[in-house]
PDB file of N, CA and C in Angstrom:
ATOM      1  N   MET A   1      51.591 -46.191 213.903  1.00  0.00           N
ATOM      2  CA  MET A   1      52.408 -44.871 214.331  1.00  0.00           C
ATOM      3  C   MET A   1      53.871 -44.987 213.973  1.00  0.00           C
ATOM      4  N   VAL A   2      54.382 -44.542 213.433  1.00  0.00           N
ATOM      5  CA  VAL A   2      55.633 -44.314 212.685  1.00  0.00           C
ATOM      6  C   VAL A   2      56.540 -43.702 213.200  1.00  0.00           C
ATOM      7  N   HIS A   3      58.399 -44.108 213.779  1.00  0.00           N
ATOM      8  CA  HIS A   3      58.799 -42.927 214.624  1.00  0.00           C
ATOM      9  C   HIS A   3      60.273 -42.916 213.736  1.00  0.00           C
ATOM     10  N   GLY A   4      61.058 -42.254 213.931  1.00  0.00           N
ATOM     11  CA  GLY A   4      62.738 -42.446 213.595  1.00  0.00           C
ATOM     12  C   GLY A   4      63.539 -43.096 214.487  1.00  0.00           C
ATOM     13  N   ARG A   5      64.588 -43.445 214.014  1.00  0.00           N
ATOM     14  CA  ARG A   5      65.612 -44.217 215.281  1.00  0.00           C
ATOM     15  C   ARG A   5      67.051 -43.132 215.359  1.00  0.00           C
ATOM     16  N   GLU A   6      66.735 -42.136 214.991  1.00  0.00           N
ATOM     17  CA  GLU A   6      68.006 -40.669 214.675  1.00  0.00           C
ATOM     18  C   GLU A   6      67.956 -40.121 215.571  1.00  0.00           C
ATOM     19  N   ASN A   7      69.103 -39.893 216.692  1.00  0.00           N
ATOM     20  CA  ASN A   7      69.010 -38.274 217.049  1.00  0.00           C
ATOM     21  C   ASN A   7      70.690 -37.785 217.341  1.00  0.00           C
ATOM     22  N   ASP A   8      70.680 -36.708 216.575  1.00  0.00           N
ATOM     23  CA  ASP A   8      72.336 -35.996 216.684  1.00  0.00           C
ATOM     24  C   ASP A   8      73.054 -36.780 216.174  1.00  0.00           C
ATOM     25  N   GLY A   9      72.594 -37.606 215.188  1.00  0.00           N
ATOM     26  CA  GLY A   9      73.398 -38.568 214.112  1.00  0.00           C
ATOM     27  C   GLY A   9      73.324 -39.891 214.820  1.00  0.00           C
ATOM     28  N   GLU A  10      72.933 -40.144 216.121  1.00  0.00           N
ATOM     29  CA  GLU A  10      73.174 -41.571 216.786  1.00  0.00           C
ATOM     30  C   GLU A  10      71.971 -41.989 216.144  1.00  0.00           C
ATOM     31  N   VAL A  11      72.208 -43.571 215.309  1.00  0.00           N
ATOM     32  CA  VAL A  11      71.238 -44.163 215.563  1.00  0.00           C
ATOM     33  C   VAL A  11      70.758 -44.929 216.707  1.00  0.00           C
ATOM     34  N   PHE A  12      70.133 -45.439 217.138  1.00  0.00           N
ATOM     35  CA  PHE A  12      68.973 -45.854 218.345  1.00  0.00           C
ATOM     36  C   PHE A  12      68.275 -47.742 217.862  1.00  0.00           C
ATOM     37  N   GLU A  13      68.656 -48.269 218.400  1.00  0.00           N
ATOM     38  CA  GLU A  13      68.222 -49.826 218.790  1.00  0.00           C
ATOM     39  C   GLU A  13      67.189 -49.753 219.873  1.00  0.00           C
ATOM     40  N   PHE A  14      65.646 -49.889 219.347  1.00  0.00           N
ATOM     41  CA  PHE A  14      64.739 -49.947 220.213  1.00  0.00           C
ATOM     42  C   PHE A  14      63.855 -51.155 220.497  1.00  0.00           C
ATOM     43  N   GLY A  15      63.403 -51.673 221.553  1.00  0.00           N
ATOM     44  CA  GLY A  15      62.340 -52.714 221.918  1.00  0.00           C
ATOM     45  C   GLY A  15      61.332 -52.381 222.538  1.00  0.00           C
ATOM     46  N   VAL A  16      60.503 -53.342 222.749  1.00  0.00           N
ATOM     47  CA  VAL A  16      59.417 -53.049 223.373  1.00  0.00           C
ATOM     48  C   VAL A  16      59.098 -53.381 224.910  1.00  0.00           C
ATOM     49  N   SER A  17      59.292 -52.853 226.058  1.00  0.00           N
ATOM     50  CA  SER A  17      59.820 -52.932 227.216  1.00  0.00           C
ATOM     51  C   SER A  17      58.373 -54.065 227.789  1.00  0.00           C
ATOM     52  N   GLY A  18      57.263 -53.967 227.395  1.00  0.00           N
ATOM     53  CA  GLY A  18      56.407 -54.932 228.047  1.00  0.00           C
ATOM     54  C   GLY A  18      55.737 -54.057 228.993  1.00  0.00           C
ATOM     55  N   TYR A  19      56.086 -52.591 229.260  1.00  0.00           N
ATOM     56  CA  TYR A  19      55.385 -51.386 230.140  1.00  0.00           C
ATOM     57  C   TYR A  19      54.358 -50.685 229.285  1.00  0.00           C
ATOM     58  N   VAL A  20      53.474 -50.445 230.050  1.00  0.00           N
ATOM     59  CA  VAL A  20      52.142 -49.529 229.434  1.00  0.00           C
ATOM     60  C   VAL A  20      51.834 -48.584 230.666  1.00  0.00           C
ATOM     61  N   TYR A  21      51.903 -47.414 229.741  1.00  0.00           N
ATOM     62  CA  TYR A  21      51.498 -46.517 230.539  1.00  0.00           C
ATOM     63  C   TYR A  21      50.338 -45.149 229.901  1.00  0.00           C
ATOM     64  N   ARG A  22      49.231 -45.068 230.672  1.00  0.00           N
ATOM     65  CA  ARG A  22      48.244 -44.521 229.973  1.00  0.00           C
ATOM     66  C   ARG A  22      47.813 -45.502 228.515  1.00  0.00           C
ATOM     67  N   ASN A  23      47.539 -46.355 228.530  1.00  0.00           N
ATOM     68  CA  ASN A  23      47.146 -47.447 227.312  1.00  0.00           C
ATOM     69  C   ASN A  23      48.277 -47.254 226.035  1.00  0.00           C
ATOM     70  N   THR A  24      49.533 -46.722 226.636  1.00  0.00           N
ATOM     71  CA  THR A  24      50.364 -46.902 225.429  1.00  0.00           C
ATOM     72  C   THR A  24      51.818 -47.357 225.836  1.00  0.00           C
ATOM     73  N   PHE A  25      52.173 -48.574 224.706  1.00  0.00           N
ATOM     74  CA  PHE A  25      53.476 -49.296 225.169  1.00  0.00           C
ATOM     75  C   PHE A  25      54.824 -48.422 225.424  1.00  0.00           C
ATOM     76  N   LEU A  26      55.517 -48.690 226.214  1.00  0.00           N
ATOM     77  CA  LEU A  26      56.779 -47.747 226.181  1.00  0.00           C
ATOM     78  C   LEU A  26      57.904 -48.714 225.287  1.00  0.00           C
ATOM     79  N   LEU A  27      58.555 -47.790 224.919  1.00  0.00           N
ATOM     80  CA  LEU A  27      59.842 -48.401 224.186  1.00  0.00           C
ATOM     81  C   LEU A  27      60.955 -48.148 225.350  1.00  0.00           C
ATOM     82  N   TYR A  28      61.998 -48.983 224.933  1.00  0.00           N
ATOM     83  CA  TYR A  28      63.540 -48.698 225.509  1.00  0.00           C
ATOM     84  C   TYR A  28      64.391 -48.445 223.771  1.00  0.00           C
ATOM     85  N   ASP A  29      65.361 -48.129 224.652  1.00  0.00           N
ATOM     86  CA  ASP A  29      66.207 -48.143 224.125  1.00  0.00           C
ATOM     87  C   ASP A  29      67.715 -49.039 224.554  1.00  0.00           C
ATOM     88  N   ARG A  30      67.842 -50.327 223.498  1.00  0.00           N
ATOM     89  CA  ARG A  30      68.717 -51.294 224.537  1.00  0.00           C
ATOM     90  C   ARG A  30      70.061 -51.270 224.685  1.00  0.00           C
ATOM     91  N   PRO A  31      70.708 -50.065 224.479  1.00  0.00           N
ATOM     92  CA  PRO A  31      72.168 -49.607 224.854  1.00  0.00           C
ATOM     93  C   PRO A  31      72.104 -49.213 226.447  1.00  0.00           C
ATOM     94  N   THR A  32      70.934 -48.249 226.418  1.00  0.00           N
ATOM     95  CA  THR A  32      70.999 -47.348 228.124  1.00  0.00           C
ATOM     96  C   THR A  32      69.892 -47.837 228.658  1.00  0.00           C
ATOM     97  N   GLN A  33      68.822 -48.637 228.283  1.00  0.00           N
ATOM     98  CA  GLN A  33      67.716 -49.081 228.901  1.00  0.00           C
ATOM     99  C   GLN A  33      66.530 -47.890 229.163  1.00  0.00           C
ATOM    100  N   SER A  34      66.756 -46.589 228.553  1.00  0.00           N
ATOM    101  CA  SER A  34      65.918 -45.882 229.058  1.00  0.00           C
ATOM    102  C   SER A  34      64.895 -46.039 228.560  1.00  0.00           C
ATOM    103  N   LEU A  35      63.544 -45.819 228.866  1.00  0.00           N
ATOM    104  CA  LEU A  35      62.273 -45.907 228.810  1.00  0.00           C
ATOM    105  C   LEU A  35      62.030 -44.433 227.382  1.00  0.00           C
ATOM    106  N   TRP A  36      61.166 -44.796 226.894  1.00  0.00           N
ATOM    107  CA  TRP A  36      60.144 -43.723 225.431  1.00  0.00           C
ATOM    108  C   TRP A  36      59.095 -44.010 225.602  1.00  0.00           C
ATOM    109  N   TYR A  37      58.470 -42.643 225.746  1.00  0.00           N
ATOM    110  CA  TYR A  37      56.808 -42.375 225.551  1.00  0.00           C
ATOM    111  C   TYR A  37      56.189 -41.494 224.694  1.00  0.00           C
ATOM    112  N   PRO A  38      55.493 -41.380 223.858  1.00  0.00           N
ATOM    113  CA  PRO A  38      54.929 -40.417 222.827  1.00  0.00           C
ATOM    114  C   PRO A  38      54.194 -39.122 223.978  1.00  0.00           C
ATOM    115  N   LEU A  39      55.097 -37.904 224.473  1.00  0.00           N
ATOM    116  CA  LEU A  39      54.726 -37.191 225.094  1.00  0.00           C
ATOM    117  C   LEU A  39      53.358 -36.348 224.489  1.00  0.00           C
ATOM    118  N   ASP A  40      53.518 -36.255 223.265  1.00  0.00           N
ATOM    119  CA  ASP A  40      53.000 -35.566 221.827  1.00  0.00           C
ATOM    120  C   ASP A  40      52.776 -36.199 220.661  1.00  0.00           C
ATOM    121  N   ASP A  41      52.189 -35.426 220.030  1.00  0.00           N
ATOM    122  CA  ASP A  41      51.873 -36.168 218.937  1.00  0.00           C
ATOM    123  C   ASP A  41      52.730 -35.537 217.576  1.00  0.00           C
ATOM    124  N   GLU A  42      54.303 -35.323 217.921  1.00  0.00           N
ATOM    125  CA  GLU A  42      55.191 -35.278 217.463  1.00  0.00           C
ATOM    126  C   GLU A  42      56.446 -35.747 217.479  1.00  0.00           C
ATOM    127  N   LYS A  43      56.285 -36.563 218.496  1.00  0.00           N
ATOM    128  CA  LYS A  43      57.678 -37.274 218.679  1.00  0.00           C
ATOM    129  C   LYS A  43      57.949 -38.459 220.144  1.00  0.00           C
ATOM    130  N   TRP A  44      58.770 -39.095 220.141  1.00  0.00           N
ATOM    131  CA  TRP A  44      58.705 -39.958 221.382  1.00  0.00           C
ATOM    132  C   TRP A  44      59.921 -39.077 222.441  1.00  0.00           C
ATOM    133  N   THR A  45      59.562 -39.219 223.797  1.00  0.00           N
ATOM    134  CA  THR A  45      60.700 -38.647 224.381  1.00  0.00           C
ATOM    135  C   THR A  45      60.777 -39.751 225.714  1.00  0.00           C
ATOM    136  N   ALA A  46      62.222 -39.642 226.122  1.00  0.00           N
ATOM    137  CA  ALA A  46      62.541 -40.566 227.031  1.00  0.00           C
ATOM    138  C   ALA A  46      62.579 -39.598 228.230  1.00  0.00           C
ATOM    139  N   ILE A  47      61.832 -40.836 229.136  1.00  0.00           N
ATOM    140  CA  ILE A  47      61.261 -40.459 230.358  1.00  0.00           C
ATOM    141  C   ILE A  47      61.974 -41.004 231.632  1.00  0.00           C
ATOM    142  N   SER A  48      62.958 -41.821 231.427  1.00  0.00           N
ATOM    143  CA  SER A  48      63.834 -42.108 232.714  1.00  0.00           C
ATOM    144  C   SER A  48      65.054 -42.662 232.058  1.00  0.00           C
ATOM    145  N   GLY A  49      65.922 -43.159 232.862  1.00  0.00           N
ATOM    146  CA  GLY A  49      67.439 -43.151 232.312  1.00  0.00           C
ATOM    147  C   GLY A  49      68.362 -42.593 231.774  1.00  0.00           C
ATOM    148  N   PRO A  50      69.634 -42.724 231.323  1.00  0.00           N
ATOM    149  CA  PRO A  50      70.754 -41.553 230.802  1.00  0.00           C
ATOM    150  C   PRO A  50      70.103 -40.916 229.694  1.00  0.00           C
ATOM    151  N   ARG A  51      69.041 -41.297 228.864  1.00  0.00           N
ATOM    152  CA  ARG A  51      68.703 -40.323 227.890  1.00  0.00           C
ATOM    153  C   ARG A  51      67.239 -39.644 228.348  1.00  0.00           C
ATOM    154  N   LEU A  52      67.266 -39.462 229.272  1.00  0.00           N
ATOM    155  CA  LEU A  52      65.816 -38.465 230.159  1.00  0.00           C
ATOM    156  C   LEU A  52      65.994 -37.330 229.290  1.00  0.00           C
ATOM    157  N   GLY A  53      65.073 -36.994 228.821  1.00  0.00           N
ATOM    158  CA  GLY A  53      64.444 -35.513 227.850  1.00  0.00           C
ATOM    159  C   GLY A  53      64.616 -35.539 226.689  1.00  0.00           C
ATOM    160  N   GLU A  54      65.548 -36.529 225.952  1.00  0.00           N
ATOM    161  CA  GLU A  54      66.199 -37.075 224.861  1.00  0.00           C
ATOM    162  C   GLU A  54      64.348 -37.030 223.896  1.00  0.00           C
ATOM    163  N   THR A  55      64.405 -36.672 222.620  1.00  0.00           N
ATOM    164  CA  THR A  55      63.331 -36.896 221.600  1.00  0.00           C
ATOM    165  C   THR A  55      63.789 -37.758 220.507  1.00  0.00           C
ATOM    166  N   ILE A  56      62.908 -38.348 219.890  1.00  0.00           N
ATOM    167  CA  ILE A  56      62.761 -38.930 218.481  1.00  0.00           C
ATOM    168  C   ILE A  56      61.321 -38.758 217.719  1.00  0.00           C
ATOM    169  N   PRO A  57      61.729 -37.722 216.584  1.00  0.00           N
ATOM    170  CA  PRO A  57      60.564 -37.226 216.051  1.00  0.00           C
ATOM    171  C   PRO A  57      59.708 -38.406 215.248  1.00  0.00           C
ATOM    172  N   PHE A  58      58.449 -38.468 215.080  1.00  0.00           N
ATOM    173  CA  PHE A  58      57.692 -39.415 214.200  1.00  0.00           C
ATOM    174  C   PHE A  58      58.168 -39.123 212.675  1.00  0.00           C
ATOM    175  N   VAL A  59      57.681 -40.268 212.070  1.00  0.00           N
ATOM    176  CA  VAL A  59      57.470 -39.894 210.395  1.00  0.00           C
ATOM    177  C   VAL A  59      56.764 -39.371 209.702  1.00  0.00           C
ATOM    178  N   ASP A  60      56.353 -38.163 209.530  1.00  0.00           N
ATOM    179  CA  ASP A  60      55.591 -37.935 208.743  1.00  0.00           C
ATOM    180  C   ASP A  60      55.360 -38.383 207.378  1.00  0.00           C
ATOM    181  N   GLU A  61      54.088 -39.020 207.670  1.00  0.00           N
ATOM    182  CA  GLU A  61      53.803 -39.836 205.963  1.00  0.00           C
ATOM    183  C   GLU A  61      52.495 -38.968 205.875  1.00  0.00           C
ATOM    184  N   PRO A  62      51.922 -38.873 204.563  1.00  0.00           N
ATOM    185  CA  PRO A  62      51.007 -38.708 204.086  1.00  0.00           C
ATOM    186  C   PRO A  62      49.858 -39.893 204.223  1.00  0.00           C
ATOM    187  N   GLY A  63      48.755 -39.743 205.150  1.00  0.00           N
ATOM    188  CA  GLY A  63      47.591 -40.600 205.624  1.00  0.00           C
ATOM    189  C   GLY A  63      48.105 -41.742 206.020  1.00  0.00           C
ATOM    190  N   VAL A  64      46.593 -41.982 205.994  1.00  0.00           N
ATOM    191  CA  VAL A  64      46.914 -44.109 206.584  1.00  0.00           C
ATOM    192  C   VAL A  64      47.292 -44.854 205.682  1.00  0.00           C
ATOM    193  N   LEU A  65      48.096 -45.598 205.133  1.00  0.00           N
ATOM    194  CA  LEU A  65      48.434 -46.409 204.319  1.00  0.00           C
ATOM    195  C   LEU A  65      48.064 -47.727 204.671  1.00  0.00           C
ATOM    196  N   PRO A  66      47.697 -48.708 204.079  1.00  0.00           N
ATOM    197  CA  PRO A  66      47.563 -50.377 204.090  1.00  0.00           C
ATOM    198  C   PRO A  66      49.036 -50.886 204.489  1.00  0.00           C
ATOM    199  N   LEU A  67      49.351 -51.497 205.390  1.00  0.00           N
ATOM    200  CA  LEU A  67      51.084 -52.360 205.919  1.00  0.00           C
ATOM    201  C   LEU A  67      51.558 -52.801 204.364  1.00  0.00           C
ATOM    202  N   SER A  68      50.640 -53.174 203.614  1.00  0.00           N
ATOM    203  CA  SER A  68      51.632 -53.513 202.232  1.00  0.00           C
ATOM    204  C   SER A  68      52.304 -52.545 201.499  1.00  0.00           C
ATOM    205  N   GLU A  69      51.284 -51.310 201.670  1.00  0.00           N
ATOM    206  CA  GLU A  69      51.873 -50.100 200.512  1.00  0.00           C
ATOM    207  C   GLU A  69      52.883 -49.315 201.370  1.00  0.00           C
ATOM    208  N   TRP A  70      52.606 -49.226 202.786  1.00  0.00           N
ATOM    209  CA  TRP A  70      53.900 -48.667 203.830  1.00  0.00           C
ATOM    210  C   TRP A  70      55.423 -49.364 202.920  1.00  0.00           C
ATOM    211  N   LEU A  71      55.157 -50.823 203.285  1.00  0.00           N
ATOM    212  CA  LEU A  71      56.017 -52.000 202.659  1.00  0.00           C
ATOM    213  C   LEU A  71      56.548 -51.881 201.360  1.00  0.00           C
ATOM    214  N   ALA A  72      55.863 -51.366 200.533  1.00  0.00           N
ATOM    215  CA  ALA A  72      56.233 -51.146 199.236  1.00  0.00           C
ATOM    216  C   ALA A  72      57.199 -49.611 199.110  1.00  0.00           C
ATOM    217  N   LEU A  73      56.816 -48.977 200.100  1.00  0.00           N
ATOM    218  CA  LEU A  73      57.263 -47.670 200.058  1.00  0.00           C
ATOM    219  C   LEU A  73      58.615 -47.443 200.820  1.00  0.00           C
ATOM    220  N   HIS A  74      58.209 -48.370 201.924  1.00  0.00           N
ATOM    221  CA  HIS A  74      59.666 -48.521 202.823  1.00  0.00           C
ATOM    222  C   HIS A  74      60.117 -49.873 203.022  1.00  0.00           C
ATOM    223  N   PRO A  75      60.826 -50.798 202.370  1.00  0.00           N
ATOM    224  CA  PRO A  75      61.033 -51.936 202.413  1.00  0.00           C
ATOM    225  C   PRO A  75      62.111 -52.725 203.484  1.00  0.00           C
ATOM    226  N   THR A  76      62.648 -51.573 204.154  1.00  0.00           N
ATOM    227  CA  THR A  76      63.719 -51.830 204.722  1.00  0.00           C
ATOM    228  C   THR A  76      62.923 -51.661 206.491  1.00  0.00           C
ATOM    229  N   SER A  77      61.849 -51.278 206.638  1.00  0.00           N
ATOM    230  CA  SER A  77      60.907 -51.181 207.499  1.00  0.00           C
ATOM    231  C   SER A  77      60.674 -52.314 208.504  1.00  0.00           C
ATOM    232  N   THR A  78      60.837 -52.241 210.077  1.00  0.00           N
ATOM    233  CA  THR A  78      60.285 -53.409 210.610  1.00  0.00           C
ATOM    234  C   THR A  78      59.232 -53.063 211.482  1.00  0.00           C
ATOM    235  N   VAL A  79      58.279 -53.759 211.502  1.00  0.00           N
ATOM    236  CA  VAL A  79      57.129 -53.624 212.008  1.00  0.00           C
ATOM    237  C   VAL A  79      56.868 -54.778 213.354  1.00  0.00           C
ATOM    238  N   LEU A  80      56.458 -54.370 214.441  1.00  0.00           N
ATOM    239  CA  LEU A  80      55.967 -55.003 216.035  1.00  0.00           C
ATOM    240  C   LEU A  80      54.547 -55.107 215.704  1.00  0.00           C
ATOM    241  N   LEU A  81      54.741 -56.579 215.574  1.00  0.00           N
ATOM    242  CA  LEU A  81      53.722 -56.959 215.790  1.00  0.00           C
ATOM    243  C   LEU A  81      53.146 -58.131 216.981  1.00  0.00           C
ATOM    244  N   GLY A  82      52.174 -58.408 217.461  1.00  0.00           N
ATOM    245  CA  GLY A  82      51.847 -59.439 218.535  1.00  0.00           C
ATOM    246  C   GLY A  82      51.521 -60.481 217.574  1.00  0.00           C
ATOM    247  N   ASP A  83      50.398 -61.777 217.942  1.00  0.00           N
ATOM    248  CA  ASP A  83      50.722 -62.999 217.408  1.00  0.00           C
ATOM    249  C   ASP A  83      49.364 -62.163 216.291  1.00  0.00           C
ATOM    250  N   GLN A  84      50.094 -62.484 215.090  1.00  0.00           N
ATOM    251  CA  GLN A  84      50.194 -62.128 214.209  1.00  0.00           C
ATOM    252  C   GLN A  84      48.442 -62.648 213.293  1.00  0.00           C
ATOM    253  N   ALA A  85      48.577 -63.977 213.920  1.00  0.00           N
ATOM    254  CA  ALA A  85      46.804 -64.656 213.719  1.00  0.00           C
ATOM    255  C   ALA A  85      45.612 -63.421 214.025  1.00  0.00           C
ATOM    256  N   ASP A  86      46.020 -62.553 214.949  1.00  0.00           N
ATOM    257  CA  ASP A  86      44.715 -61.760 215.090  1.00  0.00           C
ATOM    258  C   ASP A  86      44.651 -60.402 214.247  1.00  0.00           C
ATOM    259  N   TYR A  87      45.483 -60.670 213.370  1.00  0.00           N
ATOM    260  CA  TYR A  87      45.532 -59.345 212.634  1.00  0.00           C
ATOM    261  C   TYR A  87      45.488 -60.045 210.928  1.00  0.00           C
ATOM    262  N   PRO A  88      44.782 -58.920 210.111  1.00  0.00           N
ATOM    263  CA  PRO A  88      44.288 -59.193 208.529  1.00  0.00           C
ATOM    264  C   PRO A  88      45.319 -59.097 207.967  1.00  0.00           C
ATOM    265  N   GLU A  89      45.200 -59.879 206.908  1.00  0.00           N
ATOM    266  CA  GLU A  89      46.109 -59.704 205.834  1.00  0.00           C
ATOM    267  C   GLU A  89      45.920 -58.226 205.224  1.00  0.00           C
ATOM    268  N   GLY A  90      47.260 -58.045 204.584  1.00  0.00           N
ATOM    269  CA  GLY A  90      47.453 -56.796 203.455  1.00  0.00           C
ATOM    270  C   GLY A  90      48.009 -55.952 203.815  1.00  0.00           C
TER     271      GLY A  90
END
């Protein structure tokens, strides 16, 4: 899942909250601590905090790509992974 970080010209900085709802992790934005959840297949929506109801769209990309191909196309991407020993190379 790839999402943007911008809403109305403001760039958000996100972190992983540690909370899980309906088998999906919740993000939080660092400045306001608002929690974000993917309510549909198109965007993250703030479900609590000062940004309640605001949305951030997912990035449309053609198909599923191996991580190495994604990074070649988007070299400034940040990838959030748990213990990398559990993930195959590529």
